[in-house]
Amino acid sequence: MDAELVSDSLVYRYDPNASPDGLPGNESTFTMCTFWYVQALAQSGRLDDARLTFEKMLTYSTHLGLYSEEIAPTGEQIGNFPQAFSHLSLISAAVRLDQLLDARP
């Protein structure tokens, strides 16, 4: 996953070259997938990587702390805005990462 779907800590839903969807244009990274990635890193014991990825994601929010569905390679928020699923995955990642960081010796 790291080698194929992650670009500077942002996660793509899938590789359109490996699984063409027939849609025009390029796929951007998905906010929800990136927060899920934070949780996966944390759950697998890669807490430092999870924390770094989480903190990087915080820099992509708007001045109100909102997220869209996708983040373009330029850092621009695109797609549905605001996106409820993005915010639910943010909360879930934050809670789990916090729990695991607190449990760290």
PDB file of N, CA and C in Angstrom:
ATOM      1  N   MET A   1       0.832  -1.187   0.000  1.00  0.00           N
ATOM      2  CA  MET A   1       0.000   0.000   0.000  1.00  0.00           C
ATOM      3  C   MET A   1       0.872   1.244   0.000  1.00  0.00           C
ATOM      4  N   ASP A   2       1.886   1.270   0.874  1.00  0.00           N
ATOM      5  CA  ASP A   2       2.761   2.443   0.946  1.00  0.00           C
ATOM      6  C   ASP A   2       3.366   2.773  -0.419  1.00  0.00           C
ATOM      7  N   ALA A   3       3.810   1.764  -1.128  1.00  0.00           N
ATOM      8  CA  ALA A   3       4.503   1.980  -2.399  1.00  0.00           C
ATOM      9  C   ALA A   3       3.563   2.354  -3.541  1.00  0.00           C
ATOM     10  N   GLU A   4       2.320   1.886  -3.484  1.00  0.00           N
ATOM     11  CA  GLU A   4       1.432   2.063  -4.626  1.00  0.00           C
ATOM     12  C   GLU A   4       0.341   3.117  -4.449  1.00  0.00           C
ATOM     13  N   LEU A   5      -0.131   3.335  -3.234  1.00  0.00           N
ATOM     14  CA  LEU A   5      -1.278   4.218  -3.051  1.00  0.00           C
ATOM     15  C   LEU A   5      -1.005   5.459  -2.208  1.00  0.00           C
ATOM     16  N   VAL A   6       0.166   5.552  -1.594  1.00  0.00           N
ATOM     17  CA  VAL A   6       0.474   6.681  -0.716  1.00  0.00           C
ATOM     18  C   VAL A   6       1.433   7.624  -1.420  1.00  0.00           C
ATOM     19  N   SER A   7       1.073   8.899  -1.413  1.00  0.00           N
ATOM     20  CA  SER A   7       1.917   9.938  -2.003  1.00  0.00           C
ATOM     21  C   SER A   7       2.062  11.065  -0.987  1.00  0.00           C
ATOM     22  N   ASP A   8       3.251  11.196  -0.417  1.00  0.00           N
ATOM     23  CA  ASP A   8       3.533  12.210   0.600  1.00  0.00           C
ATOM     24  C   ASP A   8       2.482  12.179   1.706  1.00  0.00           C
ATOM     25  N   SER A   9       2.184  11.010   2.178  1.00  0.00           N
ATOM     26  CA  SER A   9       1.252  10.704   3.272  1.00  0.00           C
ATOM     27  C   SER A   9      -0.224  10.771   2.871  1.00  0.00           C
ATOM     28  N   LEU A  10      -0.549  11.191   1.683  1.00  0.00           N
ATOM     29  CA  LEU A  10      -1.939  11.207   1.219  1.00  0.00           C
ATOM     30  C   LEU A  10      -2.223   9.903   0.478  1.00  0.00           C
ATOM     31  N   VAL A  11      -3.429   9.368   0.643  1.00  0.00           N
ATOM     32  CA  VAL A  11      -3.746   8.042   0.130  1.00  0.00           C
ATOM     33  C   VAL A  11      -4.796   8.114  -0.986  1.00  0.00           C
ATOM     34  N   TYR A  12      -4.489   7.413  -2.078  1.00  0.00           N
ATOM     35  CA  TYR A  12      -5.436   7.258  -3.180  1.00  0.00           C
ATOM     36  C   TYR A  12      -6.362   6.081  -2.877  1.00  0.00           C
ATOM     37  N   ARG A  13      -7.590   6.142  -3.360  1.00  0.00           N
ATOM     38  CA  ARG A  13      -8.538   5.035  -3.169  1.00  0.00           C
ATOM     39  C   ARG A  13      -8.063   3.786  -3.895  1.00  0.00           C
ATOM     40  N   TYR A  14      -7.542   3.990  -5.090  1.00  0.00           N
ATOM     41  CA  TYR A  14      -7.086   2.881  -5.931  1.00  0.00           C
ATOM     42  C   TYR A  14      -6.160   3.446  -6.991  1.00  0.00           C
ATOM     43  N   ASP A  15      -5.488   2.558  -7.688  1.00  0.00           N
ATOM     44  CA  ASP A  15      -4.595   2.954  -8.783  1.00  0.00           C
ATOM     45  C   ASP A  15      -5.367   2.828 -10.088  1.00  0.00           C
ATOM     46  N   PRO A  16      -5.743   3.962 -10.709  1.00  0.00           N
ATOM     47  CA  PRO A  16      -6.540   3.888 -11.939  1.00  0.00           C
ATOM     48  C   PRO A  16      -5.791   3.220 -13.091  1.00  0.00           C
ATOM     49  N   ASN A  17      -4.461   3.188 -13.028  1.00  0.00           N
ATOM     50  CA  ASN A  17      -3.709   2.492 -14.076  1.00  0.00           C
ATOM     51  C   ASN A  17      -3.858   0.978 -13.932  1.00  0.00           C
ATOM     52  N   ALA A  18      -3.920   0.504 -12.701  1.00  0.00           N
ATOM     53  CA  ALA A  18      -4.081  -0.929 -12.453  1.00  0.00           C
ATOM     54  C   ALA A  18      -5.541  -1.362 -12.585  1.00  0.00           C
ATOM     55  N   SER A  19      -6.459  -0.462 -12.267  1.00  0.00           N
ATOM     56  CA  SER A  19      -7.894  -0.752 -12.328  1.00  0.00           C
ATOM     57  C   SER A  19      -8.613   0.406 -13.002  1.00  0.00           C
ATOM     58  N   PRO A  20      -8.529   0.491 -14.332  1.00  0.00           N
ATOM     59  CA  PRO A  20      -9.166   1.623 -15.036  1.00  0.00           C
ATOM     60  C   PRO A  20     -10.662   1.698 -14.739  1.00  0.00           C
ATOM     61  N   ASP A  21     -11.119   2.918 -14.442  1.00  0.00           N
ATOM     62  CA  ASP A  21     -12.537   3.088 -14.113  1.00  0.00           C
ATOM     63  C   ASP A  21     -13.333   3.661 -15.281  1.00  0.00           C
ATOM     64  N   GLY A  22     -12.646   4.046 -16.350  1.00  0.00           N
ATOM     65  CA  GLY A  22     -13.337   4.573 -17.516  1.00  0.00           C
ATOM     66  C   GLY A  22     -13.756   6.027 -17.394  1.00  0.00           C
ATOM     67  N   LEU A  23     -13.431   6.662 -16.287  1.00  0.00           N
ATOM     68  CA  LEU A  23     -13.807   8.059 -16.077  1.00  0.00           C
ATOM     69  C   LEU A  23     -12.699   8.981 -16.582  1.00  0.00           C
ATOM     70  N   PRO A  24     -13.082  10.131 -17.138  1.00  0.00           N
ATOM     71  CA  PRO A  24     -12.055  11.073 -17.593  1.00  0.00           C
ATOM     72  C   PRO A  24     -11.377  11.762 -16.413  1.00  0.00           C
ATOM     73  N   GLY A  25     -10.173  12.243 -16.624  1.00  0.00           N
ATOM     74  CA  GLY A  25      -9.461  12.985 -15.588  1.00  0.00           C
ATOM     75  C   GLY A  25      -8.676  12.081 -14.662  1.00  0.00           C
ATOM     76  N   ASN A  26      -8.008  12.716 -13.732  1.00  0.00           N
ATOM     77  CA  ASN A  26      -7.165  11.993 -12.789  1.00  0.00           C
ATOM     78  C   ASN A  26      -7.847  11.847 -11.443  1.00  0.00           C
ATOM     79  N   GLU A  27      -7.515  10.793 -10.763  1.00  0.00           N
ATOM     80  CA  GLU A  27      -8.006  10.534  -9.413  1.00  0.00           C
ATOM     81  C   GLU A  27      -7.143  11.322  -8.430  1.00  0.00           C
ATOM     82  N   SER A  28      -7.760  11.909  -7.436  1.00  0.00           N
ATOM     83  CA  SER A  28      -7.024  12.602  -6.375  1.00  0.00           C
ATOM     84  C   SER A  28      -7.045  11.745  -5.120  1.00  0.00           C
ATOM     85  N   THR A  29      -6.272  12.139  -4.132  1.00  0.00           N
ATOM     86  CA  THR A  29      -6.242  11.384  -2.885  1.00  0.00           C
ATOM     87  C   THR A  29      -7.547  11.584  -2.126  1.00  0.00           C
ATOM     88  N   PHE A  30      -7.908  10.593  -1.344  1.00  0.00           N
ATOM     89  CA  PHE A  30      -9.158  10.638  -0.599  1.00  0.00           C
ATOM     90  C   PHE A  30      -8.876  10.875   0.876  1.00  0.00           C
ATOM     91  N   THR A  31      -9.510  11.886   1.408  1.00  0.00           N
ATOM     92  CA  THR A  31      -9.323  12.270   2.803  1.00  0.00           C
ATOM     93  C   THR A  31      -9.652  11.112   3.736  1.00  0.00           C
ATOM     94  N   MET A  32     -10.784  10.467   3.517  1.00  0.00           N
ATOM     95  CA  MET A  32     -11.205   9.369   4.363  1.00  0.00           C
ATOM     96  C   MET A  32     -10.172   8.244   4.336  1.00  0.00           C
ATOM     97  N   CYS A  33      -9.665   7.917   3.175  1.00  0.00           N
ATOM     98  CA  CYS A  33      -8.664   6.849   3.058  1.00  0.00           C
ATOM     99  C   CYS A  33      -7.391   7.198   3.820  1.00  0.00           C
ATOM    100  N   THR A  34      -7.030   8.472   3.812  1.00  0.00           N
ATOM    101  CA  THR A  34      -5.821   8.881   4.520  1.00  0.00           C
ATOM    102  C   THR A  34      -6.010   8.758   6.021  1.00  0.00           C
ATOM    103  N   PHE A  35      -7.168   9.128   6.540  1.00  0.00           N
ATOM    104  CA  PHE A  35      -7.415   8.954   7.972  1.00  0.00           C
ATOM    105  C   PHE A  35      -7.517   7.472   8.342  1.00  0.00           C
ATOM    106  N   TRP A  36      -8.052   6.653   7.455  1.00  0.00           N
ATOM    107  CA  TRP A  36      -8.039   5.210   7.699  1.00  0.00           C
ATOM    108  C   TRP A  36      -6.606   4.689   7.736  1.00  0.00           C
ATOM    109  N   TYR A  37      -5.771   5.242   6.887  1.00  0.00           N
ATOM    110  CA  TYR A  37      -4.352   4.875   6.849  1.00  0.00           C
ATOM    111  C   TYR A  37      -3.685   5.215   8.181  1.00  0.00           C
ATOM    112  N   VAL A  38      -4.031   6.365   8.745  1.00  0.00           N
ATOM    113  CA  VAL A  38      -3.505   6.742  10.064  1.00  0.00           C
ATOM    114  C   VAL A  38      -3.860   5.661  11.078  1.00  0.00           C
ATOM    115  N   GLN A  39      -5.109   5.231  11.069  1.00  0.00           N
ATOM    116  CA  GLN A  39      -5.534   4.188  12.003  1.00  0.00           C
ATOM    117  C   GLN A  39      -4.791   2.878  11.760  1.00  0.00           C
ATOM    118  N   ALA A  40      -4.610   2.507  10.510  1.00  0.00           N
ATOM    119  CA  ALA A  40      -3.900   1.264  10.191  1.00  0.00           C
ATOM    120  C   ALA A  40      -2.452   1.334  10.659  1.00  0.00           C
ATOM    121  N   LEU A  41      -1.812   2.469  10.443  1.00  0.00           N
ATOM    122  CA  LEU A  41      -0.432   2.635  10.922  1.00  0.00           C
ATOM    123  C   LEU A  41      -0.367   2.500  12.434  1.00  0.00           C
ATOM    124  N   ALA A  42      -1.290   3.160  13.105  1.00  0.00           N
ATOM    125  CA  ALA A  42      -1.313   3.124  14.567  1.00  0.00           C
ATOM    126  C   ALA A  42      -1.560   1.707  15.074  1.00  0.00           C
ATOM    127  N   GLN A  43      -2.549   1.041  14.502  1.00  0.00           N
ATOM    128  CA  GLN A  43      -2.889  -0.317  14.931  1.00  0.00           C
ATOM    129  C   GLN A  43      -1.740  -1.294  14.708  1.00  0.00           C
ATOM    130  N   SER A  44      -0.923  -1.020  13.690  1.00  0.00           N
ATOM    131  CA  SER A  44       0.186  -1.934  13.389  1.00  0.00           C
ATOM    132  C   SER A  44       1.457  -1.588  14.163  1.00  0.00           C
ATOM    133  N   GLY A  45       1.342  -0.625  15.073  1.00  0.00           N
ATOM    134  CA  GLY A  45       2.483  -0.267  15.906  1.00  0.00           C
ATOM    135  C   GLY A  45       3.381   0.813  15.334  1.00  0.00           C
ATOM    136  N   ARG A  46       3.037   1.345  14.190  1.00  0.00           N
ATOM    137  CA  ARG A  46       3.834   2.407  13.572  1.00  0.00           C
ATOM    138  C   ARG A  46       3.307   3.770  14.051  1.00  0.00           C
ATOM    139  N   LEU A  47       3.383   3.986  15.349  1.00  0.00           N
ATOM    140  CA  LEU A  47       2.785   5.174  15.969  1.00  0.00           C
ATOM    141  C   LEU A  47       3.426   6.476  15.501  1.00  0.00           C
ATOM    142  N   ASP A  48       4.730   6.487  15.326  1.00  0.00           N
ATOM    143  CA  ASP A  48       5.378   7.719  14.868  1.00  0.00           C
ATOM    144  C   ASP A  48       4.930   8.079  13.458  1.00  0.00           C
ATOM    145  N   ASP A  49       4.836   7.080  12.581  1.00  0.00           N
ATOM    146  CA  ASP A  49       4.352   7.319  11.215  1.00  0.00           C
ATOM    147  C   ASP A  49       2.893   7.768  11.233  1.00  0.00           C
ATOM    148  N   ALA A  50       2.094   7.150  12.092  1.00  0.00           N
ATOM    149  CA  ALA A  50       0.678   7.510  12.202  1.00  0.00           C
ATOM    150  C   ALA A  50       0.529   8.955  12.666  1.00  0.00           C
ATOM    151  N   ARG A  51       1.300   9.318  13.665  1.00  0.00           N
ATOM    152  CA  ARG A  51       1.210  10.682  14.197  1.00  0.00           C
ATOM    153  C   ARG A  51       1.656  11.707  13.162  1.00  0.00           C
ATOM    154  N   LEU A  52       2.744  11.413  12.456  1.00  0.00           N
ATOM    155  CA  LEU A  52       3.231  12.327  11.419  1.00  0.00           C
ATOM    156  C   LEU A  52       2.192  12.497  10.316  1.00  0.00           C
ATOM    157  N   THR A  53       1.620  11.401   9.876  1.00  0.00           N
ATOM    158  CA  THR A  53       0.599  11.461   8.822  1.00  0.00           C
ATOM    159  C   THR A  53      -0.620  12.231   9.304  1.00  0.00           C
ATOM    160  N   PHE A  54      -1.045  11.981  10.525  1.00  0.00           N
ATOM    161  CA  PHE A  54      -2.190  12.696  11.088  1.00  0.00           C
ATOM    162  C   PHE A  54      -1.909  14.197  11.153  1.00  0.00           C
ATOM    163  N   GLU A  55      -0.747  14.559  11.654  1.00  0.00           N
ATOM    164  CA  GLU A  55      -0.405  15.982  11.770  1.00  0.00           C
ATOM    165  C   GLU A  55      -0.284  16.649  10.407  1.00  0.00           C
ATOM    166  N   LYS A  56       0.215  15.919   9.416  1.00  0.00           N
ATOM    167  CA  LYS A  56       0.267  16.474   8.064  1.00  0.00           C
ATOM    168  C   LYS A  56      -1.139  16.717   7.529  1.00  0.00           C
ATOM    169  N   MET A  57      -2.041  15.769   7.814  1.00  0.00           N
ATOM    170  CA  MET A  57      -3.420  15.931   7.344  1.00  0.00           C
ATOM    171  C   MET A  57      -4.081  17.162   7.945  1.00  0.00           C
ATOM    172  N   LEU A  58      -3.742  17.494   9.164  1.00  0.00           N
ATOM    173  CA  LEU A  58      -4.326  18.677   9.788  1.00  0.00           C
ATOM    174  C   LEU A  58      -3.976  19.947   9.021  1.00  0.00           C
ATOM    175  N   THR A  59      -2.857  19.951   8.318  1.00  0.00           N
ATOM    176  CA  THR A  59      -2.457  21.138   7.554  1.00  0.00           C
ATOM    177  C   THR A  59      -3.302  21.331   6.295  1.00  0.00           C
ATOM    178  N   TYR A  60      -4.038  20.304   5.890  1.00  0.00           N
ATOM    179  CA  TYR A  60      -4.865  20.404   4.688  1.00  0.00           C
ATOM    180  C   TYR A  60      -6.278  20.919   4.967  1.00  0.00           C
ATOM    181  N   SER A  61      -6.651  21.045   6.217  1.00  0.00           N
ATOM    182  CA  SER A  61      -8.009  21.506   6.524  1.00  0.00           C
ATOM    183  C   SER A  61      -8.150  22.989   6.185  1.00  0.00           C
ATOM    184  N   THR A  62      -9.392  23.423   6.069  1.00  0.00           N
ATOM    185  CA  THR A  62      -9.643  24.842   5.852  1.00  0.00           C
ATOM    186  C   THR A  62      -9.407  25.588   7.167  1.00  0.00           C
ATOM    187  N   HIS A  63      -9.520  26.901   7.125  1.00  0.00           N
ATOM    188  CA  HIS A  63      -9.339  27.693   8.344  1.00  0.00           C
ATOM    189  C   HIS A  63     -10.409  27.377   9.390  1.00  0.00           C
ATOM    190  N   LEU A  64     -11.486  26.714   8.976  1.00  0.00           N
ATOM    191  CA  LEU A  64     -12.529  26.298   9.914  1.00  0.00           C
ATOM    192  C   LEU A  64     -12.359  24.840  10.355  1.00  0.00           C
ATOM    193  N   GLY A  65     -11.291  24.193   9.871  1.00  0.00           N
ATOM    194  CA  GLY A  65     -11.043  22.803  10.234  1.00  0.00           C
ATOM    195  C   GLY A  65     -11.868  21.810   9.440  1.00  0.00           C
ATOM    196  N   LEU A  66     -12.371  22.217   8.281  1.00  0.00           N
ATOM    197  CA  LEU A  66     -13.218  21.355   7.464  1.00  0.00           C
ATOM    198  C   LEU A  66     -12.417  20.676   6.364  1.00  0.00           C
ATOM    199  N   TYR A  67     -12.925  19.512   5.937  1.00  0.00           N
ATOM    200  CA  TYR A  67     -12.294  18.740   4.877  1.00  0.00           C
ATOM    201  C   TYR A  67     -13.294  18.427   3.779  1.00  0.00           C
ATOM    202  N   SER A  68     -12.775  18.355   2.575  1.00  0.00           N
ATOM    203  CA  SER A  68     -13.574  17.897   1.448  1.00  0.00           C
ATOM    204  C   SER A  68     -13.385  16.398   1.283  1.00  0.00           C
ATOM    205  N   GLU A  69     -13.947  15.883   0.227  1.00  0.00           N
ATOM    206  CA  GLU A  69     -13.848  14.458  -0.074  1.00  0.00           C
ATOM    207  C   GLU A  69     -12.442  14.085  -0.545  1.00  0.00           C
ATOM    208  N   GLU A  70     -11.849  14.958  -1.368  1.00  0.00           N
ATOM    209  CA  GLU A  70     -10.548  14.669  -1.960  1.00  0.00           C
ATOM    210  C   GLU A  70      -9.584  15.836  -1.753  1.00  0.00           C
ATOM    211  N   ILE A  71      -8.297  15.510  -1.855  1.00  0.00           N
ATOM    212  CA  ILE A  71      -7.252  16.534  -1.814  1.00  0.00           C
ATOM    213  C   ILE A  71      -6.417  16.363  -3.071  1.00  0.00           C
ATOM    214  N   ALA A  72      -6.349  17.411  -3.872  1.00  0.00           N
ATOM    215  CA  ALA A  72      -5.596  17.386  -5.121  1.00  0.00           C
ATOM    216  C   ALA A  72      -4.098  17.402  -4.838  1.00  0.00           C
ATOM    217  N   PRO A  73      -3.285  17.033  -5.827  1.00  0.00           N
ATOM    218  CA  PRO A  73      -1.828  17.073  -5.637  1.00  0.00           C
ATOM    219  C   PRO A  73      -1.307  18.457  -5.238  1.00  0.00           C
ATOM    220  N   THR A  74      -2.061  19.493  -5.548  1.00  0.00           N
ATOM    221  CA  THR A  74      -1.675  20.861  -5.175  1.00  0.00           C
ATOM    222  C   THR A  74      -2.015  21.177  -3.726  1.00  0.00           C
ATOM    223  N   GLY A  75      -2.766  20.282  -3.061  1.00  0.00           N
ATOM    224  CA  GLY A  75      -3.219  20.528  -1.693  1.00  0.00           C
ATOM    225  C   GLY A  75      -4.611  21.135  -1.638  1.00  0.00           C
ATOM    226  N   GLU A  76      -5.166  21.432  -2.795  1.00  0.00           N
ATOM    227  CA  GLU A  76      -6.501  22.020  -2.877  1.00  0.00           C
ATOM    228  C   GLU A  76      -7.565  20.982  -2.511  1.00  0.00           C
ATOM    229  N   GLN A  77      -8.566  21.410  -1.761  1.00  0.00           N
ATOM    230  CA  GLN A  77      -9.675  20.538  -1.408  1.00  0.00           C
ATOM    231  C   GLN A  77     -10.653  20.511  -2.582  1.00  0.00           C
ATOM    232  N   ILE A  78     -10.962  19.312  -3.039  1.00  0.00           N
ATOM    233  CA  ILE A  78     -11.879  19.175  -4.173  1.00  0.00           C
ATOM    234  C   ILE A  78     -12.915  18.101  -3.849  1.00  0.00           C
ATOM    235  N   GLY A  79     -13.934  18.024  -4.686  1.00  0.00           N
ATOM    236  CA  GLY A  79     -15.003  17.051  -4.453  1.00  0.00           C
ATOM    237  C   GLY A  79     -16.033  17.615  -3.502  1.00  0.00           C
ATOM    238  N   ASN A  80     -16.823  16.726  -2.943  1.00  0.00           N
ATOM    239  CA  ASN A  80     -17.896  17.137  -2.031  1.00  0.00           C
ATOM    240  C   ASN A  80     -17.311  17.854  -0.822  1.00  0.00           C
ATOM    241  N   PHE A  81     -17.907  19.006  -0.507  1.00  0.00           N
ATOM    242  CA  PHE A  81     -17.404  19.830   0.599  1.00  0.00           C
ATOM    243  C   PHE A  81     -18.561  20.480   1.339  1.00  0.00           C
ATOM    244  N   PRO A  82     -18.530  20.432   2.649  1.00  0.00           N
ATOM    245  CA  PRO A  82     -17.722  19.558   3.497  1.00  0.00           C
ATOM    246  C   PRO A  82     -18.224  18.127   3.386  1.00  0.00           C
ATOM    247  N   GLN A  83     -17.361  17.192   3.655  1.00  0.00           N
ATOM    248  CA  GLN A  83     -17.679  15.774   3.515  1.00  0.00           C
ATOM    249  C   GLN A  83     -17.768  15.131   4.899  1.00  0.00           C
ATOM    250  N   ALA A  84     -18.951  14.668   5.246  1.00  0.00           N
ATOM    251  CA  ALA A  84     -19.178  14.081   6.576  1.00  0.00           C
ATOM    252  C   ALA A  84     -18.289  12.871   6.819  1.00  0.00           C
ATOM    253  N   PHE A  85     -18.129  11.997   5.820  1.00  0.00           N
ATOM    254  CA  PHE A  85     -17.303  10.805   6.002  1.00  0.00           C
ATOM    255  C   PHE A  85     -15.853  11.167   6.302  1.00  0.00           C
ATOM    256  N   SER A  86     -15.365  12.242   5.727  1.00  0.00           N
ATOM    257  CA  SER A  86     -13.999  12.693   6.008  1.00  0.00           C
ATOM    258  C   SER A  86     -13.865  13.061   7.481  1.00  0.00           C
ATOM    259  N   HIS A  87     -14.872  13.733   7.999  1.00  0.00           N
ATOM    260  CA  HIS A  87     -14.816  14.172   9.391  1.00  0.00           C
ATOM    261  C   HIS A  87     -15.010  13.010  10.372  1.00  0.00           C
ATOM    262  N   LEU A  88     -15.842  12.048  10.015  1.00  0.00           N
ATOM    263  CA  LEU A  88     -15.998  10.861  10.857  1.00  0.00           C
ATOM    264  C   LEU A  88     -14.694  10.074  10.925  1.00  0.00           C
ATOM    265  N   SER A  89     -14.013   9.953   9.787  1.00  0.00           N
ATOM    266  CA  SER A  89     -12.744   9.215   9.789  1.00  0.00           C
ATOM    267  C   SER A  89     -11.658   9.997  10.530  1.00  0.00           C
ATOM    268  N   LEU A  90     -11.719  11.323  10.484  1.00  0.00           N
ATOM    269  CA  LEU A  90     -10.793  12.155  11.268  1.00  0.00           C
ATOM    270  C   LEU A  90     -10.983  11.892  12.756  1.00  0.00           C
ATOM    271  N   ILE A  91     -12.213  11.908  13.205  1.00  0.00           N
ATOM    272  CA  ILE A  91     -12.504  11.683  14.628  1.00  0.00           C
ATOM    273  C   ILE A  91     -12.067  10.287  15.052  1.00  0.00           C
ATOM    274  N   SER A  92     -12.401   9.304  14.251  1.00  0.00           N
ATOM    275  CA  SER A  92     -12.040   7.928  14.575  1.00  0.00           C
ATOM    276  C   SER A  92     -10.520   7.759  14.651  1.00  0.00           C
ATOM    277  N   ALA A  93      -9.803   8.332  13.694  1.00  0.00           N
ATOM    278  CA  ALA A  93      -8.335   8.238  13.702  1.00  0.00           C
ATOM    279  C   ALA A  93      -7.749   8.963  14.904  1.00  0.00           C
ATOM    280  N   ALA A  94      -8.296  10.126  15.222  1.00  0.00           N
ATOM    281  CA  ALA A  94      -7.786  10.905  16.358  1.00  0.00           C
ATOM    282  C   ALA A  94      -7.976  10.150  17.667  1.00  0.00           C
ATOM    283  N   VAL A  95      -9.138   9.568  17.861  1.00  0.00           N
ATOM    284  CA  VAL A  95      -9.425   8.841  19.097  1.00  0.00           C
ATOM    285  C   VAL A  95      -8.512   7.638  19.232  1.00  0.00           C
ATOM    286  N   ARG A  96      -8.395   6.845  18.167  1.00  0.00           N
ATOM    287  CA  ARG A  96      -7.569   5.632  18.247  1.00  0.00           C
ATOM    288  C   ARG A  96      -6.093   5.966  18.404  1.00  0.00           C
ATOM    289  N   LEU A  97      -5.611   6.945  17.665  1.00  0.00           N
ATOM    290  CA  LEU A  97      -4.208   7.341  17.780  1.00  0.00           C
ATOM    291  C   LEU A  97      -3.916   7.841  19.187  1.00  0.00           C
ATOM    292  N   ASP A  98      -4.828   8.633  19.740  1.00  0.00           N
ATOM    293  CA  ASP A  98      -4.652   9.141  21.098  1.00  0.00           C
ATOM    294  C   ASP A  98      -4.599   7.996  22.111  1.00  0.00           C
ATOM    295  N   GLN A  99      -5.489   7.021  21.971  1.00  0.00           N
ATOM    296  CA  GLN A  99      -5.500   5.872  22.876  1.00  0.00           C
ATOM    297  C   GLN A  99      -4.165   5.123  22.833  1.00  0.00           C
ATOM    298  N   LEU A 100      -3.673   4.892  21.639  1.00  0.00           N
ATOM    299  CA  LEU A 100      -2.443   4.112  21.498  1.00  0.00           C
ATOM    300  C   LEU A 100      -1.215   4.911  21.938  1.00  0.00           C
ATOM    301  N   LEU A 101      -1.230   6.208  21.708  1.00  0.00           N
ATOM    302  CA  LEU A 101      -0.110   7.032  22.173  1.00  0.00           C
ATOM    303  C   LEU A 101      -0.090   7.111  23.695  1.00  0.00           C
ATOM    304  N   ASP A 102      -1.269   7.206  24.309  1.00  0.00           N
ATOM    305  CA  ASP A 102      -1.356   7.233  25.777  1.00  0.00           C
ATOM    306  C   ASP A 102      -0.902   5.911  26.408  1.00  0.00           C
ATOM    307  N   ALA A 103      -1.124   4.823  25.711  1.00  0.00           N
ATOM    308  CA  ALA A 103      -0.752   3.501  26.235  1.00  0.00           C
ATOM    309  C   ALA A 103       0.726   3.191  26.025  1.00  0.00           C
ATOM    310  N   ARG A 104       1.403   4.021  25.252  1.00  0.00           N
ATOM    311  CA  ARG A 104       2.827   3.815  24.966  1.00  0.00           C
ATOM    312  C   ARG A 104       3.642   3.974  26.254  1.00  0.00           C
ATOM    313  N   PRO A 105       4.609   3.063  26.471  1.00  0.00           N
ATOM    314  CA  PRO A 105       5.418   3.171  27.701  1.00  0.00           C
ATOM    315  C   PRO A 105       6.292   4.419  27.718  1.00  0.00           C
TER     316      PRO A 105
END
